[in-house]
Amino acid sequence: MLSRMERILGEDSPRLDRYEAQSDPEWPSRAALSTDQVLDQLLATRARLIAKVEKLSPEEWGRIGVHGRMGAMPLATWLEFFLVHEAHHLYMIFLRSRGA
């Protein structure tokens, strides 16, 4: 989300394609991390995201990024989309950790 946010803030209506792990050159190294390392990175990234969001101006909240399926969305909607998407992943972890 941070890199998408930077593009939305720095470019005029950037098109932001769907993330695909198989196309991410960093994915193999990320997939090899331990659970503790993943959690450490998650917390550090979350802190950077929160710090960035807290400083956004009203104009920045309205900047547009173009989603491949959902079209043009202001940054505020992108953040909502990210949170809903992340919640889905956490829900799946919750289910799998309980054998469901």
PDB file of N, CA and C in Angstrom:
ATOM      1  N   MET A   1       0.826  -1.196   0.000  1.00  0.00           N
ATOM      2  CA  MET A   1       0.000   0.000   0.000  1.00  0.00           C
ATOM      3  C   MET A   1       0.864   1.250   0.000  1.00  0.00           C
ATOM      4  N   LEU A   2       1.986   1.188   0.699  1.00  0.00           N
ATOM      5  CA  LEU A   2       2.854   2.366   0.734  1.00  0.00           C
ATOM      6  C   LEU A   2       3.337   2.768  -0.662  1.00  0.00           C
ATOM      7  N   SER A   3       3.755   1.807  -1.455  1.00  0.00           N
ATOM      8  CA  SER A   3       4.245   2.158  -2.799  1.00  0.00           C
ATOM      9  C   SER A   3       3.103   2.678  -3.672  1.00  0.00           C
ATOM     10  N   ARG A   4       1.916   2.123  -3.511  1.00  0.00           N
ATOM     11  CA  ARG A   4       0.759   2.620  -4.260  1.00  0.00           C
ATOM     12  C   ARG A   4       0.425   4.044  -3.827  1.00  0.00           C
ATOM     13  N   MET A   5       0.473   4.286  -2.533  1.00  0.00           N
ATOM     14  CA  MET A   5       0.196   5.620  -2.012  1.00  0.00           C
ATOM     15  C   MET A   5       1.203   6.630  -2.561  1.00  0.00           C
ATOM     16  N   GLU A   6       2.470   6.241  -2.597  1.00  0.00           N
ATOM     17  CA  GLU A   6       3.497   7.146  -3.133  1.00  0.00           C
ATOM     18  C   GLU A   6       3.224   7.468  -4.603  1.00  0.00           C
ATOM     19  N   ARG A   7       2.805   6.486  -5.370  1.00  0.00           N
ATOM     20  CA  ARG A   7       2.492   6.740  -6.774  1.00  0.00           C
ATOM     21  C   ARG A   7       1.288   7.654  -6.912  1.00  0.00           C
ATOM     22  N   ILE A   8       0.255   7.418  -6.119  1.00  0.00           N
ATOM     23  CA  ILE A   8      -0.943   8.266  -6.182  1.00  0.00           C
ATOM     24  C   ILE A   8      -0.596   9.701  -5.811  1.00  0.00           C
ATOM     25  N   LEU A   9       0.262   9.877  -4.827  1.00  0.00           N
ATOM     26  CA  LEU A   9       0.650  11.222  -4.403  1.00  0.00           C
ATOM     27  C   LEU A   9       1.616  11.893  -5.376  1.00  0.00           C
ATOM     28  N   GLY A  10       2.406  11.106  -6.103  1.00  0.00           N
ATOM     29  CA  GLY A  10       3.445  11.682  -6.947  1.00  0.00           C
ATOM     30  C   GLY A  10       3.153  11.728  -8.432  1.00  0.00           C
ATOM     31  N   GLU A  11       2.116  11.010  -8.877  1.00  0.00           N
ATOM     32  CA  GLU A  11       1.799  10.960 -10.305  1.00  0.00           C
ATOM     33  C   GLU A  11       0.342  11.389 -10.517  1.00  0.00           C
ATOM     34  N   ASP A  12       0.034  11.805 -11.727  1.00  0.00           N
ATOM     35  CA  ASP A  12      -1.348  12.151 -12.062  1.00  0.00           C
ATOM     36  C   ASP A  12      -2.109  10.889 -12.466  1.00  0.00           C
ATOM     37  N   SER A  13      -3.052  10.488 -11.639  1.00  0.00           N
ATOM     38  CA  SER A  13      -3.936   9.349 -11.889  1.00  0.00           C
ATOM     39  C   SER A  13      -3.203   8.097 -12.380  1.00  0.00           C
ATOM     40  N   PRO A  14      -2.218   7.608 -11.602  1.00  0.00           N
ATOM     41  CA  PRO A  14      -1.499   6.411 -12.060  1.00  0.00           C
ATOM     42  C   PRO A  14      -2.408   5.187 -12.113  1.00  0.00           C
ATOM     43  N   ARG A  15      -2.150   4.321 -13.071  1.00  0.00           N
ATOM     44  CA  ARG A  15      -2.853   3.037 -13.158  1.00  0.00           C
ATOM     45  C   ARG A  15      -2.094   2.058 -12.271  1.00  0.00           C
ATOM     46  N   LEU A  16      -2.795   1.438 -11.349  1.00  0.00           N
ATOM     47  CA  LEU A  16      -2.183   0.533 -10.381  1.00  0.00           C
ATOM     48  C   LEU A  16      -2.751  -0.865 -10.606  1.00  0.00           C
ATOM     49  N   ASP A  17      -1.944  -1.688 -11.248  1.00  0.00           N
ATOM     50  CA  ASP A  17      -2.385  -3.034 -11.593  1.00  0.00           C
ATOM     51  C   ASP A  17      -2.444  -3.935 -10.365  1.00  0.00           C
ATOM     52  N   ARG A  18      -3.138  -5.026 -10.529  1.00  0.00           N
ATOM     53  CA  ARG A  18      -3.278  -6.023  -9.478  1.00  0.00           C
ATOM     54  C   ARG A  18      -1.909  -6.578  -9.103  1.00  0.00           C
ATOM     55  N   TYR A  19      -1.691  -6.754  -7.801  1.00  0.00           N
ATOM     56  CA  TYR A  19      -0.443  -7.342  -7.324  1.00  0.00           C
ATOM     57  C   TYR A  19      -0.451  -8.839  -7.619  1.00  0.00           C
ATOM     58  N   GLU A  20       0.648  -9.331  -8.177  1.00  0.00           N
ATOM     59  CA  GLU A  20       0.811 -10.749  -8.440  1.00  0.00           C
ATOM     60  C   GLU A  20       2.164 -11.179  -7.892  1.00  0.00           C
ATOM     61  N   ALA A  21       2.135 -12.055  -6.889  1.00  0.00           N
ATOM     62  CA  ALA A  21       3.372 -12.486  -6.226  1.00  0.00           C
ATOM     63  C   ALA A  21       4.371 -13.071  -7.221  1.00  0.00           C
ATOM     64  N   GLN A  22       3.890 -13.837  -8.204  1.00  0.00           N
ATOM     65  CA  GLN A  22       4.806 -14.474  -9.149  1.00  0.00           C
ATOM     66  C   GLN A  22       5.567 -13.451  -9.994  1.00  0.00           C
ATOM     67  N   SER A  23       5.085 -12.218 -10.072  1.00  0.00           N
ATOM     68  CA  SER A  23       5.760 -11.164 -10.833  1.00  0.00           C
ATOM     69  C   SER A  23       6.641 -10.288  -9.947  1.00  0.00           C
ATOM     70  N   ASP A  24       6.590 -10.504  -8.650  1.00  0.00           N
ATOM     71  CA  ASP A  24       7.335  -9.687  -7.689  1.00  0.00           C
ATOM     72  C   ASP A  24       8.715 -10.286  -7.480  1.00  0.00           C
ATOM     73  N   PRO A  25       9.788  -9.577  -7.896  1.00  0.00           N
ATOM     74  CA  PRO A  25      11.131 -10.135  -7.732  1.00  0.00           C
ATOM     75  C   PRO A  25      11.522 -10.345  -6.259  1.00  0.00           C
ATOM     76  N   GLU A  26      10.855  -9.661  -5.344  1.00  0.00           N
ATOM     77  CA  GLU A  26      11.170  -9.807  -3.922  1.00  0.00           C
ATOM     78  C   GLU A  26      10.389 -10.941  -3.257  1.00  0.00           C
ATOM     79  N   TRP A  27       9.400 -11.513  -3.949  1.00  0.00           N
ATOM     80  CA  TRP A  27       8.545 -12.530  -3.327  1.00  0.00           C
ATOM     81  C   TRP A  27       9.312 -13.747  -2.794  1.00  0.00           C
ATOM     82  N   PRO A  28      10.238 -14.345  -3.560  1.00  0.00           N
ATOM     83  CA  PRO A  28      10.919 -15.527  -3.028  1.00  0.00           C
ATOM     84  C   PRO A  28      11.609 -15.275  -1.678  1.00  0.00           C
ATOM     85  N   SER A  29      12.252 -14.111  -1.548  1.00  0.00           N
ATOM     86  CA  SER A  29      12.915 -13.824  -0.270  1.00  0.00           C
ATOM     87  C   SER A  29      11.895 -13.555   0.835  1.00  0.00           C
ATOM     88  N   ARG A  30      10.777 -12.936   0.500  1.00  0.00           N
ATOM     89  CA  ARG A  30       9.729 -12.702   1.496  1.00  0.00           C
ATOM     90  C   ARG A  30       9.082 -14.014   1.938  1.00  0.00           C
ATOM     91  N   ALA A  31       8.850 -14.903   0.990  1.00  0.00           N
ATOM     92  CA  ALA A  31       8.211 -16.180   1.302  1.00  0.00           C
ATOM     93  C   ALA A  31       9.090 -17.051   2.189  1.00  0.00           C
ATOM     94  N   ALA A  32      10.391 -16.820   2.184  1.00  0.00           N
ATOM     95  CA  ALA A  32      11.320 -17.614   2.982  1.00  0.00           C
ATOM     96  C   ALA A  32      11.475 -17.098   4.421  1.00  0.00           C
ATOM     97  N   LEU A  33      10.838 -15.981   4.746  1.00  0.00           N
ATOM     98  CA  LEU A  33      10.974 -15.414   6.086  1.00  0.00           C
ATOM     99  C   LEU A  33      10.259 -16.261   7.128  1.00  0.00           C
ATOM    100  N   SER A  34      10.764 -16.190   8.349  1.00  0.00           N
ATOM    101  CA  SER A  34      10.098 -16.870   9.466  1.00  0.00           C
ATOM    102  C   SER A  34       8.859 -16.064   9.869  1.00  0.00           C
ATOM    103  N   THR A  35       7.996 -16.688  10.635  1.00  0.00           N
ATOM    104  CA  THR A  35       6.797 -15.998  11.115  1.00  0.00           C
ATOM    105  C   THR A  35       7.175 -14.742  11.891  1.00  0.00           C
ATOM    106  N   ASP A  36       8.165 -14.840  12.757  1.00  0.00           N
ATOM    107  CA  ASP A  36       8.593 -13.670  13.533  1.00  0.00           C
ATOM    108  C   ASP A  36       9.104 -12.548  12.635  1.00  0.00           C
ATOM    109  N   GLN A  37       9.845 -12.906  11.600  1.00  0.00           N
ATOM    110  CA  GLN A  37      10.344 -11.890  10.666  1.00  0.00           C
ATOM    111  C   GLN A  37       9.199 -11.233   9.904  1.00  0.00           C
ATOM    112  N   VAL A  38       8.218 -12.020   9.501  1.00  0.00           N
ATOM    113  CA  VAL A  38       7.052 -11.472   8.799  1.00  0.00           C
ATOM    114  C   VAL A  38       6.312 -10.505   9.705  1.00  0.00           C
ATOM    115  N   LEU A  39       6.089 -10.895  10.954  1.00  0.00           N
ATOM    116  CA  LEU A  39       5.388 -10.023  11.898  1.00  0.00           C
ATOM    117  C   LEU A  39       6.173  -8.748  12.155  1.00  0.00           C
ATOM    118  N   ASP A  40       7.504  -8.853  12.283  1.00  0.00           N
ATOM    119  CA  ASP A  40       8.333  -7.652  12.478  1.00  0.00           C
ATOM    120  C   ASP A  40       8.200  -6.706  11.293  1.00  0.00           C
ATOM    121  N   GLN A  41       8.256  -7.252  10.080  1.00  0.00           N
ATOM    122  CA  GLN A  41       8.113  -6.413   8.886  1.00  0.00           C
ATOM    123  C   GLN A  41       6.718  -5.805   8.799  1.00  0.00           C
ATOM    124  N   LEU A  42       5.709  -6.600   9.135  1.00  0.00           N
ATOM    125  CA  LEU A  42       4.333  -6.105   9.115  1.00  0.00           C
ATOM    126  C   LEU A  42       4.166  -4.920  10.061  1.00  0.00           C
ATOM    127  N   LEU A  43       4.688  -5.050  11.273  1.00  0.00           N
ATOM    128  CA  LEU A  43       4.559  -3.966  12.250  1.00  0.00           C
ATOM    129  C   LEU A  43       5.333  -2.724  11.822  1.00  0.00           C
ATOM    130  N   ALA A  44       6.520  -2.911  11.282  1.00  0.00           N
ATOM    131  CA  ALA A  44       7.324  -1.764  10.836  1.00  0.00           C
ATOM    132  C   ALA A  44       6.648  -1.051   9.658  1.00  0.00           C
ATOM    133  N   THR A  45       6.144  -1.833   8.715  1.00  0.00           N
ATOM    134  CA  THR A  45       5.464  -1.246   7.561  1.00  0.00           C
ATOM    135  C   THR A  45       4.188  -0.540   7.990  1.00  0.00           C
ATOM    136  N   ARG A  46       3.456  -1.157   8.907  1.00  0.00           N
ATOM    137  CA  ARG A  46       2.224  -0.537   9.409  1.00  0.00           C
ATOM    138  C   ARG A  46       2.529   0.804  10.078  1.00  0.00           C
ATOM    139  N   ALA A  47       3.604   0.882  10.848  1.00  0.00           N
ATOM    140  CA  ALA A  47       3.975   2.139  11.502  1.00  0.00           C
ATOM    141  C   ALA A  47       4.287   3.216  10.457  1.00  0.00           C
ATOM    142  N   ARG A  48       4.995   2.841   9.389  1.00  0.00           N
ATOM    143  CA  ARG A  48       5.288   3.810   8.325  1.00  0.00           C
ATOM    144  C   ARG A  48       4.013   4.254   7.618  1.00  0.00           C
ATOM    145  N   LEU A  49       3.101   3.325   7.390  1.00  0.00           N
ATOM    146  CA  LEU A  49       1.832   3.656   6.740  1.00  0.00           C
ATOM    147  C   LEU A  49       1.023   4.618   7.601  1.00  0.00           C
ATOM    148  N   ILE A  50       0.920   4.338   8.876  1.00  0.00           N
ATOM    149  CA  ILE A  50       0.166   5.207   9.787  1.00  0.00           C
ATOM    150  C   ILE A  50       0.785   6.602   9.826  1.00  0.00           C
ATOM    151  N   ALA A  51       2.116   6.673   9.915  1.00  0.00           N
ATOM    152  CA  ALA A  51       2.790   7.977   9.949  1.00  0.00           C
ATOM    153  C   ALA A  51       2.500   8.772   8.681  1.00  0.00           C
ATOM    154  N   LYS A  52       2.486   8.089   7.535  1.00  0.00           N
ATOM    155  CA  LYS A  52       2.212   8.761   6.258  1.00  0.00           C
ATOM    156  C   LYS A  52       0.758   9.256   6.206  1.00  0.00           C
ATOM    157  N   VAL A  53      -0.162   8.399   6.620  1.00  0.00           N
ATOM    158  CA  VAL A  53      -1.587   8.734   6.573  1.00  0.00           C
ATOM    159  C   VAL A  53      -1.904   9.913   7.495  1.00  0.00           C
ATOM    160  N   GLU A  54      -1.276   9.945   8.651  1.00  0.00           N
ATOM    161  CA  GLU A  54      -1.544  11.023   9.610  1.00  0.00           C
ATOM    162  C   GLU A  54      -1.150  12.397   9.084  1.00  0.00           C
ATOM    163  N   LYS A  55      -0.252  12.447   8.104  1.00  0.00           N
ATOM    164  CA  LYS A  55       0.235  13.722   7.575  1.00  0.00           C
ATOM    165  C   LYS A  55      -0.461  14.163   6.291  1.00  0.00           C
ATOM    166  N   LEU A  56      -1.390  13.367   5.774  1.00  0.00           N
ATOM    167  CA  LEU A  56      -2.031  13.705   4.506  1.00  0.00           C
ATOM    168  C   LEU A  56      -2.925  14.940   4.632  1.00  0.00           C
ATOM    169  N   SER A  57      -2.865  15.783   3.620  1.00  0.00           N
ATOM    170  CA  SER A  57      -3.737  16.952   3.557  1.00  0.00           C
ATOM    171  C   SER A  57      -5.067  16.539   2.923  1.00  0.00           C
ATOM    172  N   PRO A  58      -6.105  17.377   3.073  1.00  0.00           N
ATOM    173  CA  PRO A  58      -7.376  17.065   2.398  1.00  0.00           C
ATOM    174  C   PRO A  58      -7.205  16.892   0.886  1.00  0.00           C
ATOM    175  N   GLU A  59      -6.352  17.684   0.285  1.00  0.00           N
ATOM    176  CA  GLU A  59      -6.102  17.558  -1.155  1.00  0.00           C
ATOM    177  C   GLU A  59      -5.479  16.203  -1.486  1.00  0.00           C
ATOM    178  N   GLU A  60      -4.535  15.764  -0.667  1.00  0.00           N
ATOM    179  CA  GLU A  60      -3.884  14.473  -0.909  1.00  0.00           C
ATOM    180  C   GLU A  60      -4.870  13.311  -0.766  1.00  0.00           C
ATOM    181  N   TRP A  61      -5.787  13.407   0.192  1.00  0.00           N
ATOM    182  CA  TRP A  61      -6.801  12.351   0.359  1.00  0.00           C
ATOM    183  C   TRP A  61      -7.636  12.177  -0.901  1.00  0.00           C
ATOM    184  N   GLY A  62      -7.790  13.247  -1.666  1.00  0.00           N
ATOM    185  CA  GLY A  62      -8.616  13.204  -2.868  1.00  0.00           C
ATOM    186  C   GLY A  62      -7.869  12.834  -4.136  1.00  0.00           C
ATOM    187  N   ARG A  63      -6.554  12.680  -4.054  1.00  0.00           N
ATOM    188  CA  ARG A  63      -5.792  12.335  -5.268  1.00  0.00           C
ATOM    189  C   ARG A  63      -6.233  10.974  -5.803  1.00  0.00           C
ATOM    190  N   ILE A  64      -6.197  10.832  -7.098  1.00  0.00           N
ATOM    191  CA  ILE A  64      -6.769   9.670  -7.783  1.00  0.00           C
ATOM    192  C   ILE A  64      -5.700   8.663  -8.206  1.00  0.00           C
ATOM    193  N   GLY A  65      -6.034   7.400  -8.007  1.00  0.00           N
ATOM    194  CA  GLY A  65      -5.291   6.279  -8.566  1.00  0.00           C
ATOM    195  C   GLY A  65      -6.307   5.427  -9.315  1.00  0.00           C
ATOM    196  N   VAL A  66      -5.899   4.816 -10.410  1.00  0.00           N
ATOM    197  CA  VAL A  66      -6.832   4.052 -11.244  1.00  0.00           C
ATOM    198  C   VAL A  66      -6.595   2.555 -11.039  1.00  0.00           C
ATOM    199  N   HIS A  67      -7.605   1.895 -10.497  1.00  0.00           N
ATOM    200  CA  HIS A  67      -7.562   0.454 -10.269  1.00  0.00           C
ATOM    201  C   HIS A  67      -7.964  -0.266 -11.551  1.00  0.00           C
ATOM    202  N   GLY A  68      -7.319  -1.386 -11.836  1.00  0.00           N
ATOM    203  CA  GLY A  68      -7.579  -2.126 -13.072  1.00  0.00           C
ATOM    204  C   GLY A  68      -9.015  -2.586 -13.247  1.00  0.00           C
ATOM    205  N   ARG A  69      -9.708  -2.901 -12.153  1.00  0.00           N
ATOM    206  CA  ARG A  69     -11.101  -3.369 -12.251  1.00  0.00           C
ATOM    207  C   ARG A  69     -12.109  -2.344 -11.763  1.00  0.00           C
ATOM    208  N   MET A  70     -11.736  -1.570 -10.765  1.00  0.00           N
ATOM    209  CA  MET A  70     -12.701  -0.662 -10.135  1.00  0.00           C
ATOM    210  C   MET A  70     -12.601   0.773 -10.619  1.00  0.00           C
ATOM    211  N   GLY A  71     -11.642   1.041 -11.482  1.00  0.00           N
ATOM    212  CA  GLY A  71     -11.537   2.367 -12.066  1.00  0.00           C
ATOM    213  C   GLY A  71     -10.895   3.387 -11.140  1.00  0.00           C
ATOM    214  N   ALA A  72     -11.189   4.650 -11.401  1.00  0.00           N
ATOM    215  CA  ALA A  72     -10.588   5.757 -10.663  1.00  0.00           C
ATOM    216  C   ALA A  72     -11.137   5.817  -9.241  1.00  0.00           C
ATOM    217  N   MET A  73     -10.219   5.905  -8.285  1.00  0.00           N
ATOM    218  CA  MET A  73     -10.611   5.993  -6.873  1.00  0.00           C
ATOM    219  C   MET A  73      -9.707   7.006  -6.172  1.00  0.00           C
ATOM    220  N   PRO A  74     -10.277   7.827  -5.277  1.00  0.00           N
ATOM    221  CA  PRO A  74      -9.442   8.722  -4.484  1.00  0.00           C
ATOM    222  C   PRO A  74      -8.618   7.913  -3.472  1.00  0.00           C
ATOM    223  N   LEU A  75      -7.544   8.487  -2.997  1.00  0.00           N
ATOM    224  CA  LEU A  75      -6.665   7.815  -2.048  1.00  0.00           C
ATOM    225  C   LEU A  75      -7.427   7.308  -0.823  1.00  0.00           C
ATOM    226  N   ALA A  76      -8.395   8.068  -0.346  1.00  0.00           N
ATOM    227  CA  ALA A  76      -9.190   7.629   0.810  1.00  0.00           C
ATOM    228  C   ALA A  76      -9.857   6.286   0.521  1.00  0.00           C
ATOM    229  N   THR A  77     -10.381   6.099  -0.673  1.00  0.00           N
ATOM    230  CA  THR A  77     -11.023   4.839  -1.044  1.00  0.00           C
ATOM    231  C   THR A  77      -9.991   3.734  -1.203  1.00  0.00           C
ATOM    232  N   TRP A  78      -8.817   4.076  -1.734  1.00  0.00           N
ATOM    233  CA  TRP A  78      -7.743   3.090  -1.831  1.00  0.00           C
ATOM    234  C   TRP A  78      -7.387   2.547  -0.439  1.00  0.00           C
ATOM    235  N   LEU A  79      -7.320   3.427   0.540  1.00  0.00           N
ATOM    236  CA  LEU A  79      -6.975   2.985   1.893  1.00  0.00           C
ATOM    237  C   LEU A  79      -8.074   2.083   2.454  1.00  0.00           C
ATOM    238  N   GLU A  80      -9.327   2.438   2.230  1.00  0.00           N
ATOM    239  CA  GLU A  80     -10.439   1.576   2.662  1.00  0.00           C
ATOM    240  C   GLU A  80     -10.356   0.217   1.979  1.00  0.00           C
ATOM    241  N   PHE A  81     -10.082   0.214   0.677  1.00  0.00           N
ATOM    242  CA  PHE A  81      -9.952  -1.027  -0.084  1.00  0.00           C
ATOM    243  C   PHE A  81      -8.834  -1.889   0.494  1.00  0.00           C
ATOM    244  N   PHE A  82      -7.705  -1.280   0.799  1.00  0.00           N
ATOM    245  CA  PHE A  82      -6.571  -1.995   1.394  1.00  0.00           C
ATOM    246  C   PHE A  82      -6.967  -2.635   2.718  1.00  0.00           C
ATOM    247  N   LEU A  83      -7.664  -1.891   3.562  1.00  0.00           N
ATOM    248  CA  LEU A  83      -8.044  -2.415   4.873  1.00  0.00           C
ATOM    249  C   LEU A  83      -9.034  -3.575   4.767  1.00  0.00           C
ATOM    250  N   VAL A  84      -9.981  -3.469   3.863  1.00  0.00           N
ATOM    251  CA  VAL A  84     -10.934  -4.570   3.650  1.00  0.00           C
ATOM    252  C   VAL A  84     -10.203  -5.796   3.104  1.00  0.00           C
ATOM    253  N   HIS A  85      -9.310  -5.581   2.172  1.00  0.00           N
ATOM    254  CA  HIS A  85      -8.540  -6.678   1.582  1.00  0.00           C
ATOM    255  C   HIS A  85      -7.677  -7.352   2.647  1.00  0.00           C
ATOM    256  N   GLU A  86      -7.024  -6.553   3.453  1.00  0.00           N
ATOM    257  CA  GLU A  86      -6.186  -7.094   4.532  1.00  0.00           C
ATOM    258  C   GLU A  86      -7.037  -7.865   5.539  1.00  0.00           C
ATOM    259  N   ALA A  87      -8.212  -7.349   5.852  1.00  0.00           N
ATOM    260  CA  ALA A  87      -9.108  -8.034   6.786  1.00  0.00           C
ATOM    261  C   ALA A  87      -9.486  -9.417   6.258  1.00  0.00           C
ATOM    262  N   HIS A  88      -9.679  -9.521   4.949  1.00  0.00           N
ATOM    263  CA  HIS A  88      -9.983 -10.822   4.358  1.00  0.00           C
ATOM    264  C   HIS A  88      -8.828 -11.802   4.596  1.00  0.00           C
ATOM    265  N   HIS A  89      -7.595 -11.337   4.384  1.00  0.00           N
ATOM    266  CA  HIS A  89      -6.438 -12.208   4.631  1.00  0.00           C
ATOM    267  C   HIS A  89      -6.367 -12.626   6.097  1.00  0.00           C
ATOM    268  N   LEU A  90      -6.600 -11.701   7.002  1.00  0.00           N
ATOM    269  CA  LEU A  90      -6.571 -12.030   8.430  1.00  0.00           C
ATOM    270  C   LEU A  90      -7.678 -13.021   8.788  1.00  0.00           C
ATOM    271  N   TYR A  91      -8.831 -12.877   8.170  1.00  0.00           N
ATOM    272  CA  TYR A  91      -9.926 -13.809   8.383  1.00  0.00           C
ATOM    273  C   TYR A  91      -9.534 -15.218   7.927  1.00  0.00           C
ATOM    274  N   MET A  92      -8.897 -15.307   6.769  1.00  0.00           N
ATOM    275  CA  MET A  92      -8.464 -16.620   6.275  1.00  0.00           C
ATOM    276  C   MET A  92      -7.418 -17.232   7.200  1.00  0.00           C
ATOM    277  N   ILE A  93      -6.500 -16.433   7.716  1.00  0.00           N
ATOM    278  CA  ILE A  93      -5.519 -16.931   8.689  1.00  0.00           C
ATOM    279  C   ILE A  93      -6.230 -17.427   9.930  1.00  0.00           C
ATOM    280  N   PHE A  94      -7.193 -16.672  10.390  1.00  0.00           N
ATOM    281  CA  PHE A  94      -7.985 -17.067  11.571  1.00  0.00           C
ATOM    282  C   PHE A  94      -8.633 -18.427  11.340  1.00  0.00           C
ATOM    283  N   LEU A  95      -9.292 -18.607  10.200  1.00  0.00           N
ATOM    284  CA  LEU A  95      -9.954 -19.877   9.902  1.00  0.00           C
ATOM    285  C   LEU A  95      -8.953 -21.030   9.816  1.00  0.00           C
ATOM    286  N   ARG A  96      -7.875 -20.823   9.083  1.00  0.00           N
ATOM    287  CA  ARG A  96      -6.900 -21.901   8.890  1.00  0.00           C
ATOM    288  C   ARG A  96      -6.186 -22.273  10.180  1.00  0.00           C
ATOM    289  N   SER A  97      -5.944 -21.288  11.038  1.00  0.00           N
ATOM    290  CA  SER A  97      -5.258 -21.586  12.297  1.00  0.00           C
ATOM    291  C   SER A  97      -6.119 -22.406  13.232  1.00  0.00           C
ATOM    292  N   ARG A  98      -7.417 -22.455  12.962  1.00  0.00           N
ATOM    293  CA  ARG A  98      -8.344 -23.224  13.779  1.00  0.00           C
ATOM    294  C   ARG A  98      -8.855 -24.473  13.069  1.00  0.00           C
ATOM    295  N   GLY A  99      -8.187 -24.806  11.947  1.00  0.00           N
ATOM    296  CA  GLY A  99      -8.530 -26.013  11.217  1.00  0.00           C
ATOM    297  C   GLY A  99      -9.820 -25.951  10.443  1.00  0.00           C
ATOM    298  N   ALA A 100     -10.356 -24.763  10.255  1.00  0.00           N
ATOM    299  CA  ALA A 100     -11.631 -24.620   9.531  1.00  0.00           C
ATOM    300  C   ALA A 100     -11.415 -24.605   8.035  1.00  0.00           C
TER     301      ALA A 100
END
